[in-house]
Protein backbone atom coordinates (compact mmCIF):
# COMPACT_ATOMS: atom_id res chain seq x y z
CA MET A 1 169.35 115.24 102.85
CA LYS A 2 172.15 114.24 100.44
CA MET A 3 173.24 117.00 98.07
CA GLU A 4 174.24 116.13 94.51
CA SER A 5 177.61 117.33 93.24
CA PRO A 6 177.58 120.10 90.62
CA TYR A 7 178.31 119.05 87.07
CA ILE A 8 178.51 120.32 83.49
CA ASN A 9 175.72 119.15 81.19
CA PRO A 10 176.66 120.40 77.71
CA LEU A 11 173.69 120.80 75.39
CA ASP A 12 173.26 121.72 71.73
CA SER A 13 176.24 123.65 70.33
CA LEU A 14 178.33 123.22 73.50
CA LYS A 15 177.92 119.44 73.22
CA LYS A 16 179.38 119.61 69.70
CA ILE A 17 182.27 121.76 70.90
CA PHE A 18 183.03 119.25 73.67
CA SER A 19 182.98 116.45 71.08
CA ASP A 20 185.18 118.37 68.61
CA LEU A 21 187.72 119.08 71.38
CA LYS A 22 187.59 115.43 72.54
CA ILE A 23 186.65 116.42 76.09
CA ILE A 24 186.21 113.22 78.09
CA GLY A 25 185.33 114.55 81.53
CA SER A 26 184.67 117.57 83.67
CA HIS A 27 184.76 118.54 87.33
CA VAL A 28 183.06 121.45 89.07
CA SER A 29 183.81 122.82 92.52
CA ILE A 30 181.80 125.51 94.29
CA ALA A 31 182.78 127.17 97.57
CA ASP A 32 180.86 129.81 99.46
CA GLU A 33 181.61 132.12 102.33
CA THR A 34 179.58 134.88 103.93
CA ASP A 35 180.18 137.51 101.24
CA TYR A 36 181.59 135.53 98.31
CA ILE A 37 180.99 132.50 96.15
CA VAL A 38 183.63 131.01 93.86
CA ALA A 39 183.34 128.23 91.27
CA PHE A 40 185.97 126.33 89.31
CA ALA A 41 185.43 124.10 86.31
CA ILE A 42 188.08 121.71 84.98
CA ILE A 43 187.68 119.82 81.71
CA GLU A 44 189.69 116.76 80.66
CA THR A 45 190.83 115.91 77.17
């Protein structure tokens, strides 16, 4: 089974904020270990 990559889907007011800030892309990374999970989000302007 192929897993889809995580992504940011801005809706409503966040979509307007992304537009106002001229954000053109985003990347999300999630890593998990036995006791911890960490996520990073990077946005491009």
